[in-house]
Amino acid sequence: MQQSPRLREYLDGKALEKNWPKIITAILFTIEGGLMANRMQWDLGGDIQIRAGLCCPGISVDHIPEATDILGAELPLLNQIRTDIAGKE
């Protein structure tokens, strides 16, 4: 969040700041799950995918599409942070 002013600005006033990590986690799960080329098909997996696409705890369903677009645009930044962290271990 500290490195994404756009996402911070968007969530400010739309969700409690204490809920931001779980909101971002839920949206990121949906985005990255959608990037998978070969998905395993199983009953519980399908149920999780449907639920993840319909709701995100801590933010109004009306705000999910724009938040998803913003976070999706931040994937290069997130991947750079992951690379930096992995390089330190």
N, C-alpha and C. Protein backbone atom coordinates (compact mmCIF):
# COMPACT_ATOMS: atom_id res chain seq x y z
N MET A 1 0.82 -1.20 0.00
CA MET A 1 0.00 0.00 0.00
C MET A 1 0.86 1.25 0.00
N GLN A 2 1.98 1.18 0.70
CA GLN A 2 2.82 2.36 0.78
C GLN A 2 3.36 2.73 -0.60
N GLN A 3 3.50 1.75 -1.48
CA GLN A 3 4.10 2.00 -2.77
C GLN A 3 3.07 2.22 -3.87
N SER A 4 1.79 2.17 -3.53
CA SER A 4 0.75 2.38 -4.52
C SER A 4 -0.18 3.51 -4.08
N PRO A 5 0.22 4.74 -4.33
CA PRO A 5 -0.64 5.86 -3.95
C PRO A 5 -2.02 5.79 -4.60
N ARG A 6 -2.08 5.29 -5.83
CA ARG A 6 -3.37 5.21 -6.53
C ARG A 6 -4.34 4.30 -5.80
N LEU A 7 -3.86 3.13 -5.37
CA LEU A 7 -4.73 2.20 -4.65
C LEU A 7 -5.10 2.75 -3.28
N ARG A 8 -4.14 3.35 -2.60
CA ARG A 8 -4.41 3.95 -1.29
C ARG A 8 -5.47 5.05 -1.42
N GLU A 9 -5.33 5.90 -2.41
CA GLU A 9 -6.28 6.99 -2.63
C GLU A 9 -7.67 6.44 -2.94
N TYR A 10 -7.72 5.37 -3.73
CA TYR A 10 -9.01 4.80 -4.09
C TYR A 10 -9.72 4.21 -2.87
N LEU A 11 -8.99 3.47 -2.05
CA LEU A 11 -9.62 2.81 -0.90
C LEU A 11 -9.97 3.78 0.22
N ASP A 12 -9.26 4.89 0.31
CA ASP A 12 -9.51 5.86 1.36
C ASP A 12 -10.95 6.37 1.27
N GLY A 13 -11.69 6.19 2.30
CA GLY A 13 -13.08 6.62 2.33
C GLY A 13 -14.07 5.57 1.83
N LYS A 14 -13.57 4.53 1.20
CA LYS A 14 -14.45 3.46 0.70
C LYS A 14 -14.43 2.24 1.61
N ALA A 15 -13.38 2.13 2.40
CA ALA A 15 -13.24 0.99 3.31
C ALA A 15 -12.38 1.42 4.49
N LEU A 16 -12.61 0.77 5.62
CA LEU A 16 -11.78 1.05 6.79
C LEU A 16 -10.34 0.63 6.50
N GLU A 17 -9.39 1.45 6.90
CA GLU A 17 -7.99 1.15 6.61
C GLU A 17 -7.55 -0.19 7.20
N LYS A 18 -8.11 -0.56 8.33
CA LYS A 18 -7.75 -1.85 8.94
C LYS A 18 -8.16 -3.03 8.04
N ASN A 19 -9.13 -2.82 7.14
CA ASN A 19 -9.59 -3.87 6.23
C ASN A 19 -8.82 -3.91 4.91
N TRP A 20 -7.99 -2.92 4.64
CA TRP A 20 -7.29 -2.85 3.36
C TRP A 20 -6.49 -4.11 3.04
N PRO A 21 -5.72 -4.66 3.98
CA PRO A 21 -4.95 -5.87 3.63
C PRO A 21 -5.82 -7.03 3.17
N LYS A 22 -6.95 -7.28 3.84
CA LYS A 22 -7.79 -8.41 3.41
C LYS A 22 -8.53 -8.09 2.11
N ILE A 23 -8.85 -6.83 1.88
CA ILE A 23 -9.48 -6.44 0.61
C ILE A 23 -8.50 -6.67 -0.54
N ILE A 24 -7.28 -6.19 -0.36
CA ILE A 24 -6.27 -6.35 -1.41
C ILE A 24 -5.97 -7.82 -1.65
N THR A 25 -5.88 -8.59 -0.57
CA THR A 25 -5.62 -10.02 -0.70
C THR A 25 -6.72 -10.72 -1.49
N ALA A 26 -7.97 -10.41 -1.18
CA ALA A 26 -9.10 -11.04 -1.88
C ALA A 26 -9.12 -10.66 -3.36
N ILE A 27 -8.89 -9.40 -3.65
CA ILE A 27 -8.89 -8.95 -5.05
C ILE A 27 -7.71 -9.55 -5.80
N LEU A 28 -6.55 -9.57 -5.15
CA LEU A 28 -5.36 -10.14 -5.79
C LEU A 28 -5.54 -11.63 -6.07
N PHE A 29 -6.18 -12.34 -5.15
CA PHE A 29 -6.47 -13.76 -5.34
C PHE A 29 -7.31 -13.95 -6.62
N THR A 30 -8.30 -13.10 -6.80
CA THR A 30 -9.16 -13.17 -7.98
C THR A 30 -8.38 -12.85 -9.25
N ILE A 31 -7.58 -11.79 -9.22
CA ILE A 31 -6.82 -11.39 -10.40
C ILE A 31 -5.82 -12.47 -10.80
N GLU A 32 -5.02 -12.91 -9.85
CA GLU A 32 -3.98 -13.88 -10.18
C GLU A 32 -4.58 -15.24 -10.52
N GLY A 33 -5.69 -15.59 -9.92
CA GLY A 33 -6.38 -16.83 -10.27
C GLY A 33 -6.86 -16.80 -11.70
N GLY A 34 -7.25 -15.61 -12.16
CA GLY A 34 -7.71 -15.46 -13.54
C GLY A 34 -6.58 -15.53 -14.55
N LEU A 35 -5.34 -15.37 -14.10
CA LEU A 35 -4.20 -15.42 -15.00
C LEU A 35 -3.71 -16.85 -15.25
N MET A 36 -4.22 -17.77 -14.49
CA MET A 36 -3.79 -19.16 -14.63
C MET A 36 -4.27 -19.73 -15.96
N ALA A 37 -3.38 -20.36 -16.68
CA ALA A 37 -3.72 -20.94 -17.97
C ALA A 37 -4.40 -22.30 -17.80
N ASN A 38 -3.89 -23.10 -16.90
CA ASN A 38 -4.43 -24.44 -16.68
C ASN A 38 -5.00 -24.53 -15.27
N ARG A 39 -6.26 -24.46 -15.18
CA ARG A 39 -6.96 -24.51 -13.91
C ARG A 39 -7.39 -25.93 -13.59
N MET A 40 -7.16 -26.34 -12.37
CA MET A 40 -7.68 -27.65 -11.94
C MET A 40 -9.18 -27.49 -11.71
N GLN A 41 -9.94 -28.43 -12.14
CA GLN A 41 -11.39 -28.39 -11.95
C GLN A 41 -11.79 -29.33 -10.82
N TRP A 42 -12.35 -28.77 -9.78
CA TRP A 42 -12.85 -29.55 -8.68
C TRP A 42 -13.96 -28.76 -8.02
N ASP A 43 -14.88 -29.43 -7.36
CA ASP A 43 -16.09 -28.79 -6.84
C ASP A 43 -15.78 -27.61 -5.93
N LEU A 44 -14.95 -27.82 -4.93
CA LEU A 44 -14.65 -26.74 -4.00
C LEU A 44 -13.93 -25.59 -4.70
N GLY A 45 -13.04 -25.91 -5.64
CA GLY A 45 -12.32 -24.87 -6.38
C GLY A 45 -13.27 -23.98 -7.16
N GLY A 46 -14.26 -24.57 -7.80
CA GLY A 46 -15.26 -23.79 -8.52
C GLY A 46 -16.07 -22.90 -7.60
N ASP A 47 -16.41 -23.42 -6.43
CA ASP A 47 -17.16 -22.65 -5.44
C ASP A 47 -16.34 -21.46 -4.94
N ILE A 48 -15.05 -21.69 -4.69
CA ILE A 48 -14.18 -20.61 -4.24
C ILE A 48 -14.07 -19.53 -5.31
N GLN A 49 -13.93 -19.95 -6.56
CA GLN A 49 -13.80 -18.98 -7.66
C GLN A 49 -15.05 -18.11 -7.77
N ILE A 50 -16.22 -18.72 -7.67
CA ILE A 50 -17.47 -17.97 -7.76
C ILE A 50 -17.59 -16.98 -6.60
N ARG A 51 -17.32 -17.45 -5.39
CA ARG A 51 -17.43 -16.57 -4.21
C ARG A 51 -16.42 -15.43 -4.27
N ALA A 52 -15.22 -15.72 -4.71
CA ALA A 52 -14.19 -14.68 -4.80
C ALA A 52 -14.58 -13.61 -5.81
N GLY A 53 -15.27 -14.00 -6.87
CA GLY A 53 -15.69 -13.04 -7.88
C GLY A 53 -16.88 -12.19 -7.48
N LEU A 54 -17.62 -12.65 -6.48
CA LEU A 54 -18.85 -11.96 -6.10
C LEU A 54 -18.70 -11.02 -4.92
N CYS A 55 -17.74 -11.28 -4.06
CA CYS A 55 -17.66 -10.46 -2.86
C CYS A 55 -16.22 -10.24 -2.43
N CYS A 56 -16.05 -9.24 -1.65
CA CYS A 56 -14.75 -8.93 -1.07
C CYS A 56 -15.03 -8.31 0.29
N PRO A 57 -14.70 -9.02 1.36
CA PRO A 57 -15.02 -8.52 2.70
C PRO A 57 -14.41 -7.14 2.95
N GLY A 58 -15.21 -6.24 3.46
CA GLY A 58 -14.71 -4.94 3.86
C GLY A 58 -14.90 -3.82 2.86
N ILE A 59 -15.43 -4.13 1.67
CA ILE A 59 -15.65 -3.08 0.66
C ILE A 59 -16.96 -3.38 -0.06
N SER A 60 -17.66 -2.33 -0.43
CA SER A 60 -18.93 -2.49 -1.14
C SER A 60 -18.71 -3.17 -2.48
N VAL A 61 -19.63 -4.02 -2.85
CA VAL A 61 -19.55 -4.73 -4.12
C VAL A 61 -19.48 -3.75 -5.30
N ASP A 62 -20.03 -2.56 -5.12
CA ASP A 62 -19.99 -1.55 -6.18
C ASP A 62 -18.57 -1.06 -6.49
N HIS A 63 -17.68 -1.18 -5.50
CA HIS A 63 -16.32 -0.67 -5.67
C HIS A 63 -15.33 -1.73 -6.16
N ILE A 64 -15.73 -2.98 -6.17
CA ILE A 64 -14.81 -4.06 -6.53
C ILE A 64 -14.28 -3.95 -7.96
N PRO A 65 -15.12 -3.66 -8.97
CA PRO A 65 -14.56 -3.60 -10.34
C PRO A 65 -13.44 -2.57 -10.50
N GLU A 66 -13.63 -1.38 -9.98
CA GLU A 66 -12.59 -0.35 -10.13
C GLU A 66 -11.36 -0.69 -9.31
N ALA A 67 -11.56 -1.21 -8.10
CA ALA A 67 -10.43 -1.62 -7.27
C ALA A 67 -9.65 -2.73 -7.98
N THR A 68 -10.35 -3.63 -8.63
CA THR A 68 -9.70 -4.71 -9.37
C THR A 68 -8.89 -4.15 -10.53
N ASP A 69 -9.42 -3.19 -11.24
CA ASP A 69 -8.69 -2.55 -12.34
C ASP A 69 -7.42 -1.86 -11.84
N ILE A 70 -7.55 -1.15 -10.73
CA ILE A 70 -6.40 -0.44 -10.17
C ILE A 70 -5.32 -1.43 -9.72
N LEU A 71 -5.72 -2.44 -8.98
CA LEU A 71 -4.74 -3.42 -8.50
C LEU A 71 -4.13 -4.19 -9.66
N GLY A 72 -4.92 -4.50 -10.66
CA GLY A 72 -4.39 -5.18 -11.84
C GLY A 72 -3.32 -4.36 -12.54
N ALA A 73 -3.52 -3.05 -12.58
CA ALA A 73 -2.53 -2.17 -13.19
C ALA A 73 -1.26 -2.09 -12.35
N GLU A 74 -1.36 -2.43 -11.08
CA GLU A 74 -0.21 -2.38 -10.17
C GLU A 74 0.56 -3.71 -10.12
N LEU A 75 0.16 -4.72 -10.90
CA LEU A 75 0.85 -6.01 -10.86
C LEU A 75 2.35 -5.91 -11.16
N PRO A 76 2.79 -5.08 -12.11
CA PRO A 76 4.23 -4.95 -12.32
C PRO A 76 4.96 -4.47 -11.06
N LEU A 77 4.37 -3.52 -10.34
CA LEU A 77 4.95 -3.04 -9.09
C LEU A 77 5.00 -4.17 -8.06
N LEU A 78 3.91 -4.90 -7.93
CA LEU A 78 3.85 -6.01 -6.99
C LEU A 78 4.90 -7.07 -7.33
N ASN A 79 5.05 -7.38 -8.60
CA ASN A 79 6.04 -8.36 -9.02
C ASN A 79 7.46 -7.88 -8.73
N GLN A 80 7.71 -6.58 -8.87
CA GLN A 80 9.03 -6.03 -8.55
C GLN A 80 9.29 -6.16 -7.04
N ILE A 81 8.30 -5.89 -6.24
CA ILE A 81 8.44 -6.03 -4.78
C ILE A 81 8.73 -7.49 -4.44
N ARG A 82 8.02 -8.41 -5.07
CA ARG A 82 8.27 -9.84 -4.84
C ARG A 82 9.70 -10.21 -5.22
N THR A 83 10.18 -9.70 -6.36
CA THR A 83 11.54 -9.98 -6.81
C THR A 83 12.55 -9.43 -5.81
N ASP A 84 12.32 -8.22 -5.34
CA ASP A 84 13.23 -7.61 -4.37
C ASP A 84 13.27 -8.45 -3.08
N ILE A 85 12.12 -8.90 -2.61
CA ILE A 85 12.07 -9.68 -1.38
C ILE A 85 12.76 -11.02 -1.58
N ALA A 86 12.49 -11.68 -2.70
CA ALA A 86 13.10 -12.98 -2.98
C ALA A 86 14.61 -12.87 -3.10
N GLY A 87 15.09 -11.76 -3.62
CA GLY A 87 16.53 -11.56 -3.77
C GLY A 87 17.25 -11.35 -2.45
N LYS A 88 16.51 -10.95 -1.41
CA LYS A 88 17.09 -10.71 -0.10
C LYS A 88 17.18 -11.94 0.76
N GLU A 89 16.49 -12.99 0.35
CA GLU A 89 16.46 -14.20 1.18
C GLU A 89 17.61 -15.12 0.85
